């Protein structure tokens, strides 16, 4: 019985990992490029810094506040979050928010459901 329970738990974890939506994000001076709309659920933001200085990635909305560590030039960072429907702001939190004020900000909309084949 314990083995069956453990196996079921493992399958649930693997299914959860497999269903995570992957969302590419490109950051550079002074912009953030990514999708305008994302589906609710587990999302992994794959952040690549194509700029000439360090940047960061911060997401805020619907009670969520999460960020990556600083992302160096030509480096990447992943941020895995669970999103509920609503509006979120993503931005670079560097230099007392001066990067955000310079244009490194974007609103994204999270909609119900998951999109098939999007991992």
N, C-alpha and C. Protein backbone atom coordinates (compact mmCIF):
# COMPACT_ATOMS: atom_id res chain seq x y z
N UNK A 1 0.83 -1.19 0.00
CA UNK A 1 0.00 0.00 0.00
C UNK A 1 0.87 1.26 0.00
N UNK A 2 1.92 1.28 0.83
CA UNK A 2 2.80 2.44 0.88
C UNK A 2 3.48 2.69 -0.47
N UNK A 3 3.89 1.61 -1.15
CA UNK A 3 4.53 1.76 -2.45
C UNK A 3 3.58 2.36 -3.47
N UNK A 4 2.33 1.93 -3.43
CA UNK A 4 1.34 2.47 -4.35
C UNK A 4 1.15 3.96 -4.10
N UNK A 5 1.08 4.35 -2.84
CA UNK A 5 0.90 5.76 -2.47
C UNK A 5 2.10 6.59 -2.93
N UNK A 6 3.31 6.08 -2.72
CA UNK A 6 4.52 6.79 -3.15
C UNK A 6 4.56 6.92 -4.66
N UNK A 7 4.21 5.86 -5.37
CA UNK A 7 4.20 5.90 -6.83
C UNK A 7 3.20 6.93 -7.34
N UNK A 8 2.03 6.99 -6.73
CA UNK A 8 1.02 7.96 -7.14
C UNK A 8 1.51 9.37 -6.87
N UNK A 9 2.18 9.59 -5.75
CA UNK A 9 2.74 10.90 -5.43
C UNK A 9 3.80 11.31 -6.43
N UNK A 10 4.65 10.36 -6.82
CA UNK A 10 5.70 10.63 -7.79
C UNK A 10 5.10 11.02 -9.14
N UNK A 11 4.08 10.29 -9.57
CA UNK A 11 3.41 10.60 -10.84
C UNK A 11 2.81 12.00 -10.78
N UNK A 12 2.21 12.37 -9.67
CA UNK A 12 1.62 13.70 -9.52
C UNK A 12 2.69 14.79 -9.64
N UNK A 13 3.84 14.56 -9.02
CA UNK A 13 4.93 15.54 -9.10
C UNK A 13 5.45 15.63 -10.52
N UNK A 14 5.67 14.50 -11.18
CA UNK A 14 6.16 14.50 -12.56
C UNK A 14 5.16 15.18 -13.48
N UNK A 15 3.88 14.93 -13.30
CA UNK A 15 2.85 15.56 -14.12
C UNK A 15 2.85 17.06 -13.93
N UNK A 16 3.04 17.50 -12.69
CA UNK A 16 3.07 18.92 -12.40
C UNK A 16 4.25 19.59 -13.08
N UNK A 17 5.41 18.95 -13.04
CA UNK A 17 6.60 19.50 -13.69
C UNK A 17 6.39 19.54 -15.19
N UNK A 18 5.84 18.48 -15.75
CA UNK A 18 5.65 18.41 -17.19
C UNK A 18 4.65 19.45 -17.69
N UNK A 19 3.71 19.86 -16.86
CA UNK A 19 2.68 20.79 -17.30
C UNK A 19 3.06 22.25 -17.11
N UNK A 20 4.24 22.54 -16.60
CA UNK A 20 4.66 23.92 -16.41
C UNK A 20 4.81 24.60 -17.77
N UNK A 21 4.26 25.77 -17.88
CA UNK A 21 4.33 26.57 -19.10
C UNK A 21 5.66 27.32 -19.12
N UNK A 22 6.38 27.26 -20.20
CA UNK A 22 7.66 27.95 -20.34
C UNK A 22 7.43 29.25 -21.10
N UNK A 23 7.87 30.36 -20.50
CA UNK A 23 7.67 31.66 -21.12
C UNK A 23 9.03 32.36 -21.27
N UNK A 24 9.50 32.52 -22.51
CA UNK A 24 10.77 33.21 -22.70
C UNK A 24 10.63 34.72 -22.46
N UNK A 25 11.66 35.30 -21.85
CA UNK A 25 11.70 36.73 -21.57
C UNK A 25 13.08 37.23 -21.96
N UNK A 26 13.13 38.32 -22.69
CA UNK A 26 14.40 38.96 -23.04
C UNK A 26 14.43 40.32 -22.37
N UNK A 27 15.52 40.58 -21.64
CA UNK A 27 15.69 41.88 -20.99
C UNK A 27 16.94 42.55 -21.55
N UNK A 28 16.86 43.86 -21.69
CA UNK A 28 17.99 44.66 -22.16
C UNK A 28 17.68 46.12 -21.83
N UNK A 29 18.60 46.99 -22.14
CA UNK A 29 18.38 48.41 -21.87
C UNK A 29 17.25 48.91 -22.77
N UNK A 30 16.40 49.41 -22.38
CA UNK A 30 15.47 49.61 -21.29
C UNK A 30 14.15 49.00 -21.67
N UNK A 31 14.16 47.71 -21.88
CA UNK A 31 12.93 47.04 -22.29
C UNK A 31 12.88 45.59 -21.80
N UNK A 32 11.65 45.10 -21.75
CA UNK A 32 11.37 43.70 -21.44
C UNK A 32 10.49 43.18 -22.57
N UNK A 33 10.91 42.09 -23.19
CA UNK A 33 10.14 41.50 -24.28
C UNK A 33 9.66 40.11 -23.87
N UNK A 34 8.36 39.91 -23.92
CA UNK A 34 7.74 38.62 -23.64
C UNK A 34 6.31 38.66 -24.14
N UNK A 35 5.60 37.58 -23.95
CA UNK A 35 4.20 37.49 -24.35
C UNK A 35 3.35 38.50 -23.57
N UNK A 36 2.25 38.92 -24.19
CA UNK A 36 1.31 39.80 -23.51
C UNK A 36 0.32 39.02 -22.66
N UNK A 37 0.08 37.75 -23.05
CA UNK A 37 -0.90 36.91 -22.37
C UNK A 37 -0.27 35.56 -22.02
N UNK A 38 -0.53 35.10 -20.80
CA UNK A 38 -0.02 33.82 -20.30
C UNK A 38 -1.21 33.08 -19.70
N UNK A 39 -1.17 31.75 -19.76
CA UNK A 39 -2.25 30.96 -19.16
C UNK A 39 -1.97 30.70 -17.68
N UNK A 40 -3.03 30.67 -16.90
CA UNK A 40 -2.92 30.43 -15.46
C UNK A 40 -2.31 29.06 -15.20
N UNK A 41 -1.66 28.94 -14.05
CA UNK A 41 -1.03 27.69 -13.66
C UNK A 41 0.44 27.90 -13.37
N UNK A 42 1.18 26.81 -13.41
CA UNK A 42 2.61 26.88 -13.14
C UNK A 42 3.33 27.40 -14.38
N UNK A 43 4.11 28.45 -14.18
CA UNK A 43 4.81 29.10 -15.28
C UNK A 43 6.28 29.22 -14.90
N UNK A 44 7.15 28.90 -15.85
CA UNK A 44 8.58 29.14 -15.68
C UNK A 44 8.98 30.23 -16.64
N UNK A 45 9.34 31.39 -16.10
CA UNK A 45 9.87 32.47 -16.91
C UNK A 45 11.35 32.18 -17.14
N UNK A 46 11.75 32.12 -18.41
CA UNK A 46 13.14 31.86 -18.78
C UNK A 46 13.73 33.19 -19.26
N UNK A 47 14.43 33.85 -18.34
CA UNK A 47 14.88 35.23 -18.53
C UNK A 47 16.30 35.24 -19.09
N UNK A 48 16.50 35.94 -20.21
CA UNK A 48 17.83 36.09 -20.80
C UNK A 48 18.16 37.58 -20.87
N UNK A 49 19.34 37.92 -20.35
CA UNK A 49 19.80 39.30 -20.39
C UNK A 49 20.64 39.51 -21.65
N UNK A 50 20.09 40.25 -22.61
CA UNK A 50 20.81 40.57 -23.84
C UNK A 50 21.32 42.00 -23.81
N UNK A 51 21.33 42.59 -22.62
CA UNK A 51 21.81 43.97 -22.47
C UNK A 51 23.31 44.03 -22.23
N UNK A 52 23.76 45.23 -21.86
CA UNK A 52 25.18 45.47 -21.62
C UNK A 52 25.49 45.69 -20.14
N UNK A 53 24.49 45.49 -19.29
CA UNK A 53 24.66 45.63 -17.84
C UNK A 53 23.75 44.65 -17.11
N UNK A 54 23.98 44.48 -15.82
CA UNK A 54 23.12 43.58 -15.03
C UNK A 54 21.70 44.10 -14.97
N UNK A 55 20.77 43.15 -14.99
CA UNK A 55 19.36 43.47 -14.83
C UNK A 55 18.75 42.43 -13.90
N UNK A 56 17.48 42.61 -13.60
CA UNK A 56 16.74 41.66 -12.80
C UNK A 56 15.36 41.48 -13.40
N UNK A 57 14.61 40.54 -12.86
CA UNK A 57 13.25 40.28 -13.32
C UNK A 57 12.37 40.12 -12.10
N UNK A 58 11.33 40.93 -12.02
CA UNK A 58 10.42 40.94 -10.87
C UNK A 58 9.01 40.85 -11.41
N UNK A 59 8.19 40.01 -10.78
CA UNK A 59 6.77 39.91 -11.15
C UNK A 59 5.93 40.21 -9.93
N UNK A 60 4.91 41.02 -10.14
CA UNK A 60 4.05 41.43 -9.03
C UNK A 60 2.60 41.52 -9.50
N UNK A 61 1.70 40.95 -8.71
CA UNK A 61 0.28 41.02 -9.01
C UNK A 61 -0.48 39.89 -8.36
N UNK A 62 -1.75 40.12 -8.10
CA UNK A 62 -2.63 39.10 -7.52
C UNK A 62 -2.03 38.51 -6.24
N UNK A 63 -1.34 39.35 -5.45
CA UNK A 63 -0.74 38.91 -4.19
C UNK A 63 0.63 38.27 -4.34
N UNK A 64 1.12 38.13 -5.56
CA UNK A 64 2.41 37.51 -5.83
C UNK A 64 3.49 38.58 -5.98
N UNK A 65 4.64 38.34 -5.35
CA UNK A 65 5.82 39.19 -5.49
C UNK A 65 7.03 38.28 -5.49
N UNK A 66 7.62 38.07 -6.67
CA UNK A 66 8.77 37.17 -6.81
C UNK A 66 9.79 37.79 -7.76
N UNK A 67 11.05 37.40 -7.57
CA UNK A 67 12.09 37.92 -8.46
C UNK A 67 13.21 36.92 -8.65
N UNK A 68 13.96 37.12 -9.72
CA UNK A 68 15.17 36.34 -9.97
C UNK A 68 16.31 37.03 -9.23
N UNK A 69 17.41 36.32 -9.06
CA UNK A 69 18.64 37.01 -8.67
C UNK A 69 19.04 37.94 -9.82
N UNK A 70 20.01 38.80 -9.59
CA UNK A 70 20.50 39.65 -10.67
C UNK A 70 20.98 38.77 -11.82
N UNK A 71 20.70 39.21 -13.04
CA UNK A 71 21.06 38.45 -14.22
C UNK A 71 22.17 39.20 -14.96
N UNK A 72 23.34 38.60 -15.03
CA UNK A 72 24.49 39.23 -15.68
C UNK A 72 24.33 39.28 -17.19
N UNK A 73 25.20 40.04 -17.82
CA UNK A 73 25.22 40.18 -19.27
C UNK A 73 25.38 38.80 -19.92
N UNK A 74 24.53 38.53 -20.90
CA UNK A 74 24.51 37.25 -21.63
C UNK A 74 24.26 36.04 -20.72
N UNK A 75 23.64 36.25 -19.59
CA UNK A 75 23.31 35.18 -18.67
C UNK A 75 21.80 34.95 -18.68
N UNK A 76 21.38 33.82 -18.09
CA UNK A 76 19.96 33.50 -17.99
C UNK A 76 19.61 33.18 -16.55
N UNK A 77 18.34 33.29 -16.25
CA UNK A 77 17.81 32.90 -14.95
C UNK A 77 16.38 32.41 -15.17
N UNK A 78 15.96 31.46 -14.35
CA UNK A 78 14.59 30.95 -14.42
C UNK A 78 13.84 31.33 -13.16
N UNK A 79 12.58 31.65 -13.33
CA UNK A 79 11.71 31.94 -12.20
C UNK A 79 10.43 31.15 -12.39
N UNK A 80 10.17 30.24 -11.47
CA UNK A 80 8.98 29.38 -11.53
C UNK A 80 7.96 29.90 -10.52
N UNK A 81 6.76 30.19 -10.99
CA UNK A 81 5.69 30.72 -10.15
C UNK A 81 4.37 30.07 -10.55
N UNK A 82 3.40 30.17 -9.67
CA UNK A 82 2.04 29.74 -9.98
C UNK A 82 1.19 30.99 -10.10
N UNK A 83 0.60 31.17 -11.27
CA UNK A 83 -0.17 32.37 -11.56
C UNK A 83 -1.67 32.07 -11.61
N UNK A 84 -2.43 33.00 -11.07
CA UNK A 84 -3.89 32.95 -11.16
C UNK A 84 -4.31 34.03 -12.15
N UNK A 85 -5.51 33.93 -12.71
CA UNK A 85 -5.94 34.94 -13.67
C UNK A 85 -5.89 36.36 -13.09
N UNK A 86 -5.53 37.29 -13.94
CA UNK A 86 -5.46 38.69 -13.53
C UNK A 86 -4.35 39.41 -14.27
N UNK A 87 -4.08 40.63 -13.84
CA UNK A 87 -3.04 41.46 -14.44
C UNK A 87 -1.82 41.47 -13.53
N UNK A 88 -0.66 41.34 -14.14
CA UNK A 88 0.61 41.34 -13.41
C UNK A 88 1.52 42.38 -14.05
N UNK A 89 2.41 42.92 -13.25
CA UNK A 89 3.44 43.80 -13.77
C UNK A 89 4.78 43.08 -13.65
N UNK A 90 5.55 43.11 -14.72
CA UNK A 90 6.91 42.58 -14.67
C UNK A 90 7.84 43.77 -14.93
N UNK A 91 8.96 43.77 -14.22
CA UNK A 91 9.88 44.89 -14.38
C UNK A 91 11.26 44.55 -13.84
N UNK A 92 12.21 45.43 -14.16
CA UNK A 92 13.57 45.31 -13.63
C UNK A 92 13.64 46.14 -12.35
N UNK A 93 13.96 45.49 -11.21
CA UNK A 93 13.98 46.21 -9.94
C UNK A 93 15.33 46.87 -9.61
N UNK A 94 16.25 46.88 -10.54
CA UNK A 94 17.61 47.36 -10.27
C UNK A 94 17.67 48.87 -10.04
N UNK A 95 18.71 49.26 -9.32
CA UNK A 95 19.09 50.67 -9.12
C UNK A 95 17.94 51.53 -8.60
N UNK A 96 17.37 51.08 -7.48
CA UNK A 96 16.26 51.81 -6.85
C UNK A 96 15.12 52.10 -7.83
N UNK A 97 14.84 51.11 -8.66
CA UNK A 97 13.76 51.14 -9.65
C UNK A 97 13.99 52.13 -10.79
N UNK A 98 15.22 52.65 -10.95
CA UNK A 98 15.47 53.55 -12.08
C UNK A 98 15.39 52.80 -13.41
N UNK A 99 15.69 51.50 -13.43
CA UNK A 99 15.55 50.74 -14.67
C UNK A 99 14.06 50.65 -15.05
N UNK A 100 13.22 50.43 -14.05
CA UNK A 100 11.78 50.39 -14.29
C UNK A 100 11.30 51.74 -14.83
N UNK A 101 11.75 52.80 -14.20
CA UNK A 101 11.34 54.15 -14.62
C UNK A 101 11.84 54.47 -16.02
N UNK A 102 12.93 53.83 -16.44
CA UNK A 102 13.49 54.07 -17.78
C UNK A 102 12.79 53.24 -18.86
N UNK A 103 11.82 52.43 -18.47
CA UNK A 103 11.03 51.69 -19.46
C UNK A 103 11.08 50.19 -19.34
N UNK A 104 11.82 49.67 -18.38
CA UNK A 104 11.88 48.21 -18.22
C UNK A 104 10.71 47.72 -17.39
N UNK A 105 9.53 47.85 -17.97
CA UNK A 105 8.30 47.42 -17.31
C UNK A 105 7.29 46.98 -18.36
N UNK A 106 6.44 46.06 -17.98
CA UNK A 106 5.43 45.54 -18.91
C UNK A 106 4.31 44.92 -18.10
N UNK A 107 3.10 45.06 -18.59
CA UNK A 107 1.94 44.38 -17.99
C UNK A 107 1.67 43.12 -18.79
N UNK A 108 1.37 42.04 -18.07
CA UNK A 108 0.93 40.82 -18.74
C UNK A 108 -0.43 40.43 -18.16
N UNK A 109 -1.21 39.77 -18.97
CA UNK A 109 -2.54 39.30 -18.55
C UNK A 109 -2.46 37.78 -18.44
N UNK A 110 -2.94 37.27 -17.32
CA UNK A 110 -3.01 35.82 -17.11
C UNK A 110 -4.47 35.43 -17.26
N UNK A 111 -4.72 34.47 -18.16
CA UNK A 111 -6.09 34.03 -18.45
C UNK A 111 -6.30 32.60 -17.94
N UNK A 112 -7.56 32.22 -17.79
CA UNK A 112 -7.92 30.87 -17.32
C UNK A 112 -7.38 29.80 -18.24
N UNK A 113 -7.18 28.62 -17.64
CA UNK A 113 -6.86 27.44 -18.44
C UNK A 113 -5.43 27.36 -18.87
N UNK A 114 -5.10 26.20 -19.47
CA UNK A 114 -3.77 25.99 -19.98
C UNK A 114 -3.85 25.74 -21.46
N UNK A 115 -2.82 26.09 -22.16
CA UNK A 115 -2.77 25.88 -23.59
C UNK A 115 -2.08 24.58 -23.89
N UNK A 116 -2.70 23.73 -24.67
CA UNK A 116 -2.11 22.42 -25.00
C UNK A 116 -0.78 22.60 -25.74
N UNK A 117 0.16 21.72 -25.37
CA UNK A 117 1.43 21.72 -26.06
C UNK A 117 2.38 22.82 -25.67
N UNK A 118 2.03 23.61 -24.69
CA UNK A 118 2.91 24.71 -24.29
C UNK A 118 3.64 24.31 -23.02
N UNK A 119 4.91 23.97 -23.15
CA UNK A 119 5.72 23.55 -22.01
C UNK A 119 7.00 24.33 -22.01
